[in-house]
């Protein structure tokens, strides 16, 4: 079973860091951009593939931008739960992290995670 953590909108860099910290304690705390810890986060983030799922294009762009600021380089985005399932089935490697909107038309995030 996957671990779930809800991030209320609007998504901010601080909220993303807090969510990541829930799963990887100490890795995503408030680190100055020039700190050794922030550089370690960047090294970690380079090796993590992320799927962003949201029906609103602006939300996908903002989340992808925030992830990029945190050092994530492999970020993919889709606009529905059904597309998320297709993307995960077609991916060469499983996504390490999925950030999914809960309320979407067609197939919502909860249904897609089941």
PDB file of N, CA and C in Angstrom:
ATOM      1  N   UNK A   1       0.839  -1.183   0.000  1.00  0.00           N
ATOM      2  CA  UNK A   1       0.000   0.000   0.000  1.00  0.00           C
ATOM      3  C   UNK A   1       0.881   1.242   0.000  1.00  0.00           C
ATOM      4  N   UNK A   2       0.485   2.210  -0.799  1.00  0.00           N
ATOM      5  CA  UNK A   2       1.237   3.460  -0.884  1.00  0.00           C
ATOM      6  C   UNK A   2       0.891   4.361   0.289  1.00  0.00           C
ATOM      7  N   UNK A   3       1.849   5.178   0.679  1.00  0.00           N
ATOM      8  CA  UNK A   3       1.607   6.175   1.712  1.00  0.00           C
ATOM      9  C   UNK A   3       0.947   7.386   1.071  1.00  0.00           C
ATOM     10  N   UNK A   4       0.000   7.984   1.776  1.00  0.00           N
ATOM     11  CA  UNK A   4      -0.708   9.148   1.259  1.00  0.00           C
ATOM     12  C   UNK A   4      -0.499  10.334   2.186  1.00  0.00           C
ATOM     13  N   UNK A   5      -0.398  11.519   1.595  1.00  0.00           N
ATOM     14  CA  UNK A   5      -0.256  12.751   2.353  1.00  0.00           C
ATOM     15  C   UNK A   5      -0.980  13.824   1.562  1.00  0.00           C
ATOM     16  N   UNK A   6      -1.873  14.546   2.172  1.00  0.00           N
ATOM     17  CA  UNK A   6      -2.626  15.588   1.481  1.00  0.00           C
ATOM     18  C   UNK A   6      -1.925  16.931   1.606  1.00  0.00           C
ATOM     19  N   UNK A   7      -1.789  17.627   0.491  1.00  0.00           N
ATOM     20  CA  UNK A   7      -1.224  18.974   0.460  1.00  0.00           C
ATOM     21  C   UNK A   7      -2.349  19.917   0.045  1.00  0.00           C
ATOM     22  N   UNK A   8      -2.778  20.781   0.950  1.00  0.00           N
ATOM     23  CA  UNK A   8      -3.859  21.709   0.571  1.00  0.00           C
ATOM     24  C   UNK A   8      -3.365  22.765  -0.420  1.00  0.00           C
ATOM     25  N   UNK A   9      -4.261  23.156  -1.337  1.00  0.00           N
ATOM     26  CA  UNK A   9      -3.929  24.213  -2.297  1.00  0.00           C
ATOM     27  C   UNK A   9      -4.087  25.557  -1.612  1.00  0.00           C
ATOM     28  N   UNK A  10      -3.353  26.556  -2.000  1.00  0.00           N
ATOM     29  CA  UNK A  10      -2.365  26.538  -3.078  1.00  0.00           C
ATOM     30  C   UNK A  10      -1.077  25.851  -2.639  1.00  0.00           C
ATOM     31  N   UNK A  11      -0.464  25.153  -3.577  1.00  0.00           N
ATOM     32  CA  UNK A  11       0.783  24.452  -3.292  1.00  0.00           C
ATOM     33  C   UNK A  11       1.906  25.475  -3.226  1.00  0.00           C
ATOM     34  N   UNK A  12       2.693  25.403  -2.178  1.00  0.00           N
ATOM     35  CA  UNK A  12       3.867  26.273  -2.026  1.00  0.00           C
ATOM     36  C   UNK A  12       5.092  25.397  -1.836  1.00  0.00           C
ATOM     37  N   UNK A  13       6.244  25.991  -1.998  1.00  0.00           N
ATOM     38  CA  UNK A  13       7.494  25.257  -1.781  1.00  0.00           C
ATOM     39  C   UNK A  13       7.542  24.717  -0.360  1.00  0.00           C
ATOM     40  N   UNK A  14       7.096  25.513   0.616  1.00  0.00           N
ATOM     41  CA  UNK A  14       7.088  25.080   2.010  1.00  0.00           C
ATOM     42  C   UNK A  14       6.168  23.889   2.251  1.00  0.00           C
ATOM     43  N   UNK A  15       4.986  23.903   1.621  1.00  0.00           N
ATOM     44  CA  UNK A  15       4.050  22.782   1.780  1.00  0.00           C
ATOM     45  C   UNK A  15       4.607  21.511   1.150  1.00  0.00           C
ATOM     46  N   UNK A  16       5.258  21.654  -0.017  1.00  0.00           N
ATOM     47  CA  UNK A  16       5.883  20.480  -0.639  1.00  0.00           C
ATOM     48  C   UNK A  16       6.984  19.931   0.253  1.00  0.00           C
ATOM     49  N   UNK A  17       7.805  20.815   0.789  1.00  0.00           N
ATOM     50  CA  UNK A  17       8.894  20.373   1.663  1.00  0.00           C
ATOM     51  C   UNK A  17       8.346  19.658   2.888  1.00  0.00           C
ATOM     52  N   UNK A  18       7.271  20.181   3.475  1.00  0.00           N
ATOM     53  CA  UNK A  18       6.667  19.543   4.642  1.00  0.00           C
ATOM     54  C   UNK A  18       6.123  18.159   4.294  1.00  0.00           C
ATOM     55  N   UNK A  19       5.514  18.033   3.131  1.00  0.00           N
ATOM     56  CA  UNK A  19       4.987  16.734   2.704  1.00  0.00           C
ATOM     57  C   UNK A  19       6.119  15.732   2.512  1.00  0.00           C
ATOM     58  N   UNK A  20       7.191  16.156   1.847  1.00  0.00           N
ATOM     59  CA  UNK A  20       8.320  15.257   1.649  1.00  0.00           C
ATOM     60  C   UNK A  20       8.944  14.872   2.984  1.00  0.00           C
ATOM     61  N   UNK A  21       9.025  15.835   3.887  1.00  0.00           N
ATOM     62  CA  UNK A  21       9.617  15.582   5.196  1.00  0.00           C
ATOM     63  C   UNK A  21       8.821  14.539   5.979  1.00  0.00           C
ATOM     64  N   UNK A  22       7.521  14.427   5.698  1.00  0.00           N
ATOM     65  CA  UNK A  22       6.700  13.413   6.371  1.00  0.00           C
ATOM     66  C   UNK A  22       7.172  12.001   6.016  1.00  0.00           C
ATOM     67  N   UNK A  23       7.715  11.835   4.811  1.00  0.00           N
ATOM     68  CA  UNK A  23       8.171  10.517   4.370  1.00  0.00           C
ATOM     69  C   UNK A  23       9.664  10.312   4.524  1.00  0.00           C
ATOM     70  N   UNK A  24      10.410  11.406   4.451  1.00  0.00           N
ATOM     71  CA  UNK A  24      11.868  11.336   4.566  1.00  0.00           C
ATOM     72  C   UNK A  24      12.305  12.350   5.607  1.00  0.00           C
ATOM     73  N   UNK A  25      12.092  12.044   6.884  1.00  0.00           N
ATOM     74  CA  UNK A  25      12.374  13.035   7.945  1.00  0.00           C
ATOM     75  C   UNK A  25      13.782  13.611   7.858  1.00  0.00           C
ATOM     76  N   UNK A  26      13.841  14.927   7.946  1.00  0.00           N
ATOM     77  CA  UNK A  26      15.120  15.615   7.941  1.00  0.00           C
ATOM     78  C   UNK A  26      15.671  15.951   6.575  1.00  0.00           C
ATOM     79  N   UNK A  27      15.192  15.296   5.531  1.00  0.00           N
ATOM     80  CA  UNK A  27      15.746  15.531   4.194  1.00  0.00           C
ATOM     81  C   UNK A  27      15.243  16.822   3.563  1.00  0.00           C
ATOM     82  N   UNK A  28      14.041  17.225   3.904  1.00  0.00           N
ATOM     83  CA  UNK A  28      13.429  18.337   3.194  1.00  0.00           C
ATOM     84  C   UNK A  28      13.062  19.480   4.113  1.00  0.00           C
ATOM     85  N   UNK A  29      13.763  19.594   5.230  1.00  0.00           N
ATOM     86  CA  UNK A  29      13.493  20.698   6.139  1.00  0.00           C
ATOM     87  C   UNK A  29      13.841  22.019   5.482  1.00  0.00           C
ATOM     88  N   UNK A  30      13.677  23.081   6.203  1.00  0.00           N
ATOM     89  CA  UNK A  30      13.985  24.411   5.666  1.00  0.00           C
ATOM     90  C   UNK A  30      15.490  24.593   5.602  1.00  0.00           C
ATOM     91  N   UNK A  31      16.009  24.435   4.422  1.00  0.00           N
ATOM     92  CA  UNK A  31      17.447  24.518   4.215  1.00  0.00           C
ATOM     93  C   UNK A  31      17.783  25.746   3.385  1.00  0.00           C
ATOM     94  N   UNK A  32      18.772  26.531   3.795  1.00  0.00           N
ATOM     95  CA  UNK A  32      19.207  27.635   2.936  1.00  0.00           C
ATOM     96  C   UNK A  32      19.699  27.088   1.602  1.00  0.00           C
ATOM     97  N   UNK A  33      19.458  27.841   0.526  1.00  0.00           N
ATOM     98  CA  UNK A  33      19.815  27.369  -0.804  1.00  0.00           C
ATOM     99  C   UNK A  33      21.296  27.040  -0.947  1.00  0.00           C
ATOM    100  N   UNK A  34      22.165  27.698  -0.169  1.00  0.00           N
ATOM    101  CA  UNK A  34      23.598  27.439  -0.302  1.00  0.00           C
ATOM    102  C   UNK A  34      24.122  26.442   0.732  1.00  0.00           C
ATOM    103  N   UNK A  35      23.232  25.789   1.468  1.00  0.00           N
ATOM    104  CA  UNK A  35      23.669  24.863   2.515  1.00  0.00           C
ATOM    105  C   UNK A  35      24.044  23.502   1.933  1.00  0.00           C
ATOM    106  N   UNK A  36      24.924  22.769   2.626  1.00  0.00           N
ATOM    107  CA  UNK A  36      25.255  21.398   2.181  1.00  0.00           C
ATOM    108  C   UNK A  36      24.006  20.513   2.142  1.00  0.00           C
ATOM    109  N   UNK A  37      23.081  20.715   3.085  1.00  0.00           N
ATOM    110  CA  UNK A  37      21.856  19.915   3.098  1.00  0.00           C
ATOM    111  C   UNK A  37      21.013  20.144   1.869  1.00  0.00           C
ATOM    112  N   UNK A  38      20.940  21.395   1.408  1.00  0.00           N
ATOM    113  CA  UNK A  38      20.169  21.684   0.197  1.00  0.00           C
ATOM    114  C   UNK A  38      20.827  21.036  -1.010  1.00  0.00           C
ATOM    115  N   UNK A  39      22.163  21.038  -1.051  1.00  0.00           N
ATOM    116  CA  UNK A  39      22.863  20.376  -2.155  1.00  0.00           C
ATOM    117  C   UNK A  39      22.607  18.876  -2.125  1.00  0.00           C
ATOM    118  N   UNK A  40      22.555  18.267  -0.916  1.00  0.00           N
ATOM    119  CA  UNK A  40      22.244  16.832  -0.814  1.00  0.00           C
ATOM    120  C   UNK A  40      20.827  16.575  -1.304  1.00  0.00           C
ATOM    121  N   UNK A  41      19.892  17.471  -0.981  1.00  0.00           N
ATOM    122  CA  UNK A  41      18.521  17.336  -1.472  1.00  0.00           C
ATOM    123  C   UNK A  41      18.516  17.339  -2.989  1.00  0.00           C
ATOM    124  N   UNK A  42      19.283  18.245  -3.581  1.00  0.00           N
ATOM    125  CA  UNK A  42      19.361  18.301  -5.036  1.00  0.00           C
ATOM    126  C   UNK A  42      19.908  17.016  -5.623  1.00  0.00           C
ATOM    127  N   UNK A  43      20.913  16.434  -4.984  1.00  0.00           N
ATOM    128  CA  UNK A  43      21.462  15.158  -5.457  1.00  0.00           C
ATOM    129  C   UNK A  43      20.411  14.052  -5.349  1.00  0.00           C
ATOM    130  N   UNK A  44      19.684  14.037  -4.238  1.00  0.00           N
ATOM    131  CA  UNK A  44      18.615  13.053  -4.051  1.00  0.00           C
ATOM    132  C   UNK A  44      17.535  13.240  -5.106  1.00  0.00           C
ATOM    133  N   UNK A  45      17.108  14.485  -5.293  1.00  0.00           N
ATOM    134  CA  UNK A  45      15.986  14.785  -6.182  1.00  0.00           C
ATOM    135  C   UNK A  45      16.292  14.406  -7.632  1.00  0.00           C
ATOM    136  N   UNK A  46      17.563  14.486  -8.027  1.00  0.00           N
ATOM    137  CA  UNK A  46      17.935  14.133  -9.404  1.00  0.00           C
ATOM    138  C   UNK A  46      17.587  12.686  -9.724  1.00  0.00           C
ATOM    139  N   UNK A  47      17.535  11.840  -8.710  1.00  0.00           N
ATOM    140  CA  UNK A  47      17.313  10.411  -8.926  1.00  0.00           C
ATOM    141  C   UNK A  47      15.874   9.973  -8.669  1.00  0.00           C
ATOM    142  N   UNK A  48      14.974  10.941  -8.539  1.00  0.00           N
ATOM    143  CA  UNK A  48      13.576  10.638  -8.235  1.00  0.00           C
ATOM    144  C   UNK A  48      12.701  11.046  -9.412  1.00  0.00           C
ATOM    145  N   UNK A  49      11.899  10.097  -9.902  1.00  0.00           N
ATOM    146  CA  UNK A  49      10.960  10.433 -10.973  1.00  0.00           C
ATOM    147  C   UNK A  49       9.602  10.756 -10.351  1.00  0.00           C
ATOM    148  N   UNK A  50       9.022  11.863 -10.810  1.00  0.00           N
ATOM    149  CA  UNK A  50       7.788  12.371 -10.232  1.00  0.00           C
ATOM    150  C   UNK A  50       6.713  12.466 -11.310  1.00  0.00           C
ATOM    151  N   UNK A  51       5.504  12.067 -10.951  1.00  0.00           N
ATOM    152  CA  UNK A  51       4.343  12.243 -11.818  1.00  0.00           C
ATOM    153  C   UNK A  51       3.398  13.220 -11.132  1.00  0.00           C
ATOM    154  N   UNK A  52       3.071  14.312 -11.819  1.00  0.00           N
ATOM    155  CA  UNK A  52       2.137  15.314 -11.321  1.00  0.00           C
ATOM    156  C   UNK A  52       0.827  15.129 -12.072  1.00  0.00           C
ATOM    157  N   UNK A  53      -0.276  14.974 -11.314  1.00  0.00           N
ATOM    158  CA  UNK A  53      -1.582  14.731 -11.921  1.00  0.00           C
ATOM    159  C   UNK A  53      -2.558  15.789 -11.439  1.00  0.00           C
ATOM    160  N   UNK A  54      -3.032  16.617 -12.351  1.00  0.00           N
ATOM    161  CA  UNK A  54      -4.011  17.654 -12.016  1.00  0.00           C
ATOM    162  C   UNK A  54      -4.739  18.043 -13.289  1.00  0.00           C
ATOM    163  N   UNK A  55      -6.036  18.272 -13.192  1.00  0.00           N
ATOM    164  CA  UNK A  55      -6.806  18.632 -14.377  1.00  0.00           C
ATOM    165  C   UNK A  55      -6.630  20.094 -14.774  1.00  0.00           C
ATOM    166  N   UNK A  56      -6.036  20.901 -13.918  1.00  0.00           N
ATOM    167  CA  UNK A  56      -5.815  22.320 -14.209  1.00  0.00           C
ATOM    168  C   UNK A  56      -4.350  22.512 -14.645  1.00  0.00           C
ATOM    169  N   UNK A  57      -4.184  22.975 -15.886  1.00  0.00           N
ATOM    170  CA  UNK A  57      -2.839  23.114 -16.433  1.00  0.00           C
ATOM    171  C   UNK A  57      -1.962  24.043 -15.596  1.00  0.00           C
ATOM    172  N   UNK A  58      -2.508  25.148 -15.119  1.00  0.00           N
ATOM    173  CA  UNK A  58      -1.721  26.081 -14.318  1.00  0.00           C
ATOM    174  C   UNK A  58      -1.194  25.407 -13.055  1.00  0.00           C
ATOM    175  N   UNK A  59      -2.013  24.576 -12.410  1.00  0.00           N
ATOM    176  CA  UNK A  59      -1.560  23.849 -11.216  1.00  0.00           C
ATOM    177  C   UNK A  59      -0.400  22.922 -11.559  1.00  0.00           C
ATOM    178  N   UNK A  60      -0.512  22.216 -12.693  1.00  0.00           N
ATOM    179  CA  UNK A  60       0.578  21.314 -13.101  1.00  0.00           C
ATOM    180  C   UNK A  60       1.865  22.101 -13.322  1.00  0.00           C
ATOM    181  N   UNK A  61       1.749  23.262 -13.959  1.00  0.00           N
ATOM    182  CA  UNK A  61       2.938  24.075 -14.227  1.00  0.00           C
ATOM    183  C   UNK A  61       3.571  24.579 -12.938  1.00  0.00           C
ATOM    184  N   UNK A  62       2.730  25.069 -12.020  1.00  0.00           N
ATOM    185  CA  UNK A  62       3.259  25.606 -10.759  1.00  0.00           C
ATOM    186  C   UNK A  62       3.943  24.507  -9.955  1.00  0.00           C
ATOM    187  N   UNK A  63       3.306  23.361  -9.838  1.00  0.00           N
ATOM    188  CA  UNK A  63       3.894  22.256  -9.069  1.00  0.00           C
ATOM    189  C   UNK A  63       5.194  21.794  -9.719  1.00  0.00           C
ATOM    190  N   UNK A  64       5.196  21.674 -11.030  1.00  0.00           N
ATOM    191  CA  UNK A  64       6.416  21.266 -11.732  1.00  0.00           C
ATOM    192  C   UNK A  64       7.530  22.285 -11.521  1.00  0.00           C
ATOM    193  N   UNK A  65       7.197  23.564 -11.552  1.00  0.00           N
ATOM    194  CA  UNK A  65       8.177  24.611 -11.309  1.00  0.00           C
ATOM    195  C   UNK A  65       8.738  24.508  -9.892  1.00  0.00           C
ATOM    196  N   UNK A  66       7.867  24.323  -8.900  1.00  0.00           N
ATOM    197  CA  UNK A  66       8.311  24.211  -7.503  1.00  0.00           C
ATOM    198  C   UNK A  66       9.207  22.986  -7.331  1.00  0.00           C
ATOM    199  N   UNK A  67       8.835  21.878  -7.968  1.00  0.00           N
ATOM    200  CA  UNK A  67       9.676  20.678  -7.882  1.00  0.00           C
ATOM    201  C   UNK A  67      11.042  20.939  -8.505  1.00  0.00           C
ATOM    202  N   UNK A  68      11.065  21.656  -9.622  1.00  0.00           N
ATOM    203  CA  UNK A  68      12.330  22.011 -10.250  1.00  0.00           C
ATOM    204  C   UNK A  68      13.189  22.860  -9.335  1.00  0.00           C
ATOM    205  N   UNK A  69      12.557  23.779  -8.610  1.00  0.00           N
ATOM    206  CA  UNK A  69      13.296  24.614  -7.656  1.00  0.00           C
ATOM    207  C   UNK A  69      13.893  23.775  -6.528  1.00  0.00           C
ATOM    208  N   UNK A  70      13.255  22.650  -6.225  1.00  0.00           N
ATOM    209  CA  UNK A  70      13.760  21.770  -5.177  1.00  0.00           C
ATOM    210  C   UNK A  70      14.848  20.841  -5.712  1.00  0.00           C
ATOM    211  N   UNK A  71      15.043  20.820  -7.032  1.00  0.00           N
ATOM    212  CA  UNK A  71      16.098  19.994  -7.604  1.00  0.00           C
ATOM    213  C   UNK A  71      15.618  18.768  -8.364  1.00  0.00           C
ATOM    214  N   UNK A  72      14.310  18.561  -8.436  1.00  0.00           N
ATOM    215  CA  UNK A  72      13.788  17.410  -9.179  1.00  0.00           C
ATOM    216  C   UNK A  72      13.914  17.688 -10.665  1.00  0.00           C
ATOM    217  N   UNK A  73      14.514  16.775 -11.394  1.00  0.00           N
ATOM    218  CA  UNK A  73      14.748  16.978 -12.823  1.00  0.00           C
ATOM    219  C   UNK A  73      13.874  16.085 -13.698  1.00  0.00           C
ATOM    220  N   UNK A  74      13.340  15.010 -13.146  1.00  0.00           N
ATOM    221  CA  UNK A  74      12.500  14.103 -13.929  1.00  0.00           C
ATOM    222  C   UNK A  74      11.054  14.236 -13.461  1.00  0.00           C
ATOM    223  N   UNK A  75      10.365  15.252 -13.990  1.00  0.00           N
ATOM    224  CA  UNK A  75       8.989  15.536 -13.608  1.00  0.00           C
ATOM    225  C   UNK A  75       8.105  15.400 -14.843  1.00  0.00           C
ATOM    226  N   UNK A  76       7.111  14.555 -14.745  1.00  0.00           N
ATOM    227  CA  UNK A  76       6.139  14.342 -15.823  1.00  0.00           C
ATOM    228  C   UNK A  76       4.790  14.803 -15.313  1.00  0.00           C
ATOM    229  N   UNK A  77       3.929  15.259 -16.212  1.00  0.00           N
ATOM    230  CA  UNK A  77       2.609  15.677 -15.757  1.00  0.00           C
ATOM    231  C   UNK A  77       1.538  15.225 -16.735  1.00  0.00           C
ATOM    232  N   UNK A  78       0.384  14.913 -16.162  1.00  0.00           N
ATOM    233  CA  UNK A  78      -0.794  14.513 -16.943  1.00  0.00           C
ATOM    234  C   UNK A  78      -2.016  15.182 -16.329  1.00  0.00           C
ATOM    235  N   UNK A  79      -3.137  15.142 -17.064  1.00  0.00           N
ATOM    236  CA  UNK A  79      -4.300  15.925 -16.652  1.00  0.00           C
ATOM    237  C   UNK A  79      -5.467  15.123 -16.089  1.00  0.00           C
ATOM    238  N   UNK A  80      -5.307  13.827 -15.896  1.00  0.00           N
ATOM    239  CA  UNK A  80      -6.418  13.048 -15.331  1.00  0.00           C
ATOM    240  C   UNK A  80      -5.913  11.772 -14.668  1.00  0.00           C
ATOM    241  N   UNK A  81      -6.775  11.185 -13.861  1.00  0.00           N
ATOM    242  CA  UNK A  81      -6.440   9.909 -13.230  1.00  0.00           C
ATOM    243  C   UNK A  81      -6.215   8.818 -14.255  1.00  0.00           C
ATOM    244  N   UNK A  82      -7.045   8.822 -15.312  1.00  0.00           N
ATOM    245  CA  UNK A  82      -6.891   7.814 -16.365  1.00  0.00           C
ATOM    246  C   UNK A  82      -5.546   7.961 -17.069  1.00  0.00           C
ATOM    247  N   UNK A  83      -5.146   9.207 -17.347  1.00  0.00           N
ATOM    248  CA  UNK A  83      -3.833   9.440 -17.962  1.00  0.00           C
ATOM    249  C   UNK A  83      -2.711   9.015 -17.020  1.00  0.00           C
ATOM    250  N   UNK A  84      -2.907   9.206 -15.728  1.00  0.00           N
ATOM    251  CA  UNK A  84      -1.893   8.793 -14.749  1.00  0.00           C
ATOM    252  C   UNK A  84      -1.704   7.286 -14.786  1.00  0.00           C
ATOM    253  N   UNK A  85      -2.798   6.549 -14.874  1.00  0.00           N
ATOM    254  CA  UNK A  85      -2.690   5.089 -14.963  1.00  0.00           C
ATOM    255  C   UNK A  85      -1.958   4.671 -16.228  1.00  0.00           C
ATOM    256  N   UNK A  86      -2.296   5.308 -17.355  1.00  0.00           N
ATOM    257  CA  UNK A  86      -1.602   4.995 -18.613  1.00  0.00           C
ATOM    258  C   UNK A  86      -0.115   5.321 -18.506  1.00  0.00           C
ATOM    259  N   UNK A  87       0.194   6.497 -17.950  1.00  0.00           N
ATOM    260  CA  UNK A  87       1.598   6.905 -17.828  1.00  0.00           C
ATOM    261  C   UNK A  87       2.375   5.933 -16.948  1.00  0.00           C
ATOM    262  N   UNK A  88       1.763   5.496 -15.857  1.00  0.00           N
ATOM    263  CA  UNK A  88       2.480   4.587 -14.958  1.00  0.00           C
ATOM    264  C   UNK A  88       2.662   3.213 -15.583  1.00  0.00           C
ATOM    265  N   UNK A  89       1.713   2.801 -16.400  1.00  0.00           N
ATOM    266  CA  UNK A  89       1.842   1.502 -17.081  1.00  0.00           C
ATOM    267  C   UNK A  89       2.885   1.536 -18.188  1.00  0.00           C
ATOM    268  N   UNK A  90       3.021   2.699 -18.839  1.00  0.00           N
ATOM    269  CA  UNK A  90       3.934   2.825 -19.974  1.00  0.00           C
ATOM    270  C   UNK A  90       5.346   3.235 -19.572  1.00  0.00           C
ATOM    271  N   UNK A  91       5.530   3.676 -18.343  1.00  0.00           N
ATOM    272  CA  UNK A  91       6.844   4.146 -17.902  1.00  0.00           C
ATOM    273  C   UNK A  91       7.835   2.986 -17.850  1.00  0.00           C
ATOM    274  N   UNK A  92       9.060   3.257 -18.279  1.00  0.00           N
ATOM    275  CA  UNK A  92      10.102   2.224 -18.234  1.00  0.00           C
ATOM    276  C   UNK A  92      10.377   1.803 -16.794  1.00  0.00           C
ATOM    277  N   UNK A  93      10.356   2.753 -15.879  1.00  0.00           N
ATOM    278  CA  UNK A  93      10.548   2.493 -14.451  1.00  0.00           C
ATOM    279  C   UNK A  93       9.358   3.096 -13.707  1.00  0.00           C
ATOM    280  N   UNK A  94       8.963   2.503 -12.576  1.00  0.00           N
ATOM    281  CA  UNK A  94       7.857   3.092 -11.811  1.00  0.00           C
ATOM    282  C   UNK A  94       8.221   4.489 -11.310  1.00  0.00           C
ATOM    283  N   UNK A  95       7.215   5.345 -11.206  1.00  0.00           N
ATOM    284  CA  UNK A  95       7.444   6.673 -10.631  1.00  0.00           C
ATOM    285  C   UNK A  95       7.738   6.495  -9.147  1.00  0.00           C
ATOM    286  N   UNK A  96       8.698   7.259  -8.655  1.00  0.00           N
ATOM    287  CA  UNK A  96       9.027   7.226  -7.234  1.00  0.00           C
ATOM    288  C   UNK A  96       8.030   8.011  -6.411  1.00  0.00           C
ATOM    289  N   UNK A  97       7.428   9.008  -7.031  1.00  0.00           N
ATOM    290  CA  UNK A  97       6.536   9.910  -6.324  1.00  0.00           C
ATOM    291  C   UNK A  97       5.421  10.343  -7.258  1.00  0.00           C
ATOM    292  N   UNK A  98       4.186  10.313  -6.758  1.00  0.00           N
ATOM    293  CA  UNK A  98       3.039  10.794  -7.525  1.00  0.00           C
ATOM    294  C   UNK A  98       2.335  11.853  -6.695  1.00  0.00           C
ATOM    295  N   UNK A  99       2.194  13.043  -7.277  1.00  0.00           N
ATOM    296  CA  UNK A  99       1.430  14.122  -6.660  1.00  0.00           C
ATOM    297  C   UNK A  99       0.132  14.238  -7.449  1.00  0.00           C
ATOM    298  N   UNK A 100      -0.988  13.849  -6.819  1.00  0.00           N
ATOM    299  CA  UNK A 100      -2.244  13.745  -7.547  1.00  0.00           C
ATOM    300  C   UNK A 100      -3.344  14.573  -6.905  1.00  0.00           C
ATOM    301  N   UNK A 101      -4.036  15.326  -7.744  1.00  0.00           N
ATOM    302  CA  UNK A 101      -5.210  16.062  -7.317  1.00  0.00           C
ATOM    303  C   UNK A 101      -6.279  15.043  -6.930  1.00  0.00           C
ATOM    304  N   UNK A 102      -7.018  15.345  -5.890  1.00  0.00           N
ATOM    305  CA  UNK A 102      -8.055  14.419  -5.435  1.00  0.00           C
ATOM    306  C   UNK A 102      -9.333  14.582  -6.249  1.00  0.00           C
ATOM    307  N   UNK A 103      -9.685  15.826  -6.569  1.00  0.00           N
ATOM    308  CA  UNK A 103     -10.943  16.089  -7.264  1.00  0.00           C
ATOM    309  C   UNK A 103     -10.683  16.439  -8.720  1.00  0.00           C
ATOM    310  N   UNK A 104     -10.976  15.469  -9.601  1.00  0.00           N
ATOM    311  CA  UNK A 104     -10.827  15.681 -11.038  1.00  0.00           C
ATOM    312  C   UNK A 104     -12.011  15.037 -11.735  1.00  0.00           C
ATOM    313  N   UNK A 105     -12.401  15.557 -12.912  1.00  0.00           N
ATOM    314  CA  UNK A 105     -13.478  14.915 -13.665  1.00  0.00           C
ATOM    315  C   UNK A 105     -13.019  13.568 -14.222  1.00  0.00           C
ATOM    316  N   UNK A 106     -13.937  12.783 -14.669  1.00  0.00           N
ATOM    317  CA  UNK A 106     -13.669  11.481 -15.281  1.00  0.00           C
ATOM    318  C   UNK A 106     -13.217  10.474 -14.227  1.00  0.00           C
ATOM    319  N   UNK A 107     -11.976  10.520 -13.812  1.00  0.00           N
ATOM    320  CA  UNK A 107     -11.457   9.614 -12.783  1.00  0.00           C
ATOM    321  C   UNK A 107     -10.693  10.466 -11.780  1.00  0.00           C
ATOM    322  N   UNK A 108     -11.186  10.532 -10.552  1.00  0.00           N
ATOM    323  CA  UNK A 108     -10.520  11.378  -9.563  1.00  0.00           C
ATOM    324  C   UNK A 108      -9.280  10.695  -9.001  1.00  0.00           C
ATOM    325  N   UNK A 109      -8.542  11.455  -8.212  1.00  0.00           N
ATOM    326  CA  UNK A 109      -7.284  10.943  -7.667  1.00  0.00           C
ATOM    327  C   UNK A 109      -7.441   9.752  -6.761  1.00  0.00           C
ATOM    328  N   UNK A 110      -8.518   9.724  -5.979  1.00  0.00           N
ATOM    329  CA  UNK A 110      -8.740   8.594  -5.087  1.00  0.00           C
ATOM    330  C   UNK A 110      -8.994   7.311  -5.868  1.00  0.00           C
ATOM    331  N   UNK A 111      -9.832   7.408  -6.900  1.00  0.00           N
ATOM    332  CA  UNK A 111     -10.123   6.234  -7.722  1.00  0.00           C
ATOM    333  C   UNK A 111      -8.851   5.754  -8.440  1.00  0.00           C
ATOM    334  N   UNK A 112      -8.064   6.688  -8.937  1.00  0.00           N
ATOM    335  CA  UNK A 112      -6.841   6.325  -9.659  1.00  0.00           C
ATOM    336  C   UNK A 112      -5.829   5.626  -8.750  1.00  0.00           C
ATOM    337  N   UNK A 113      -5.761   6.023  -7.477  1.00  0.00           N
ATOM    338  CA  UNK A 113      -4.796   5.405  -6.578  1.00  0.00           C
ATOM    339  C   UNK A 113      -5.225   4.019  -6.143  1.00  0.00           C
ATOM    340  N   UNK A 114      -6.481   3.723  -6.235  1.00  0.00           N
ATOM    341  CA  UNK A 114      -6.946   2.370  -5.876  1.00  0.00           C
ATOM    342  C   UNK A 114      -6.478   1.383  -6.906  1.00  0.00           C
TER     343      UNK A 114
END
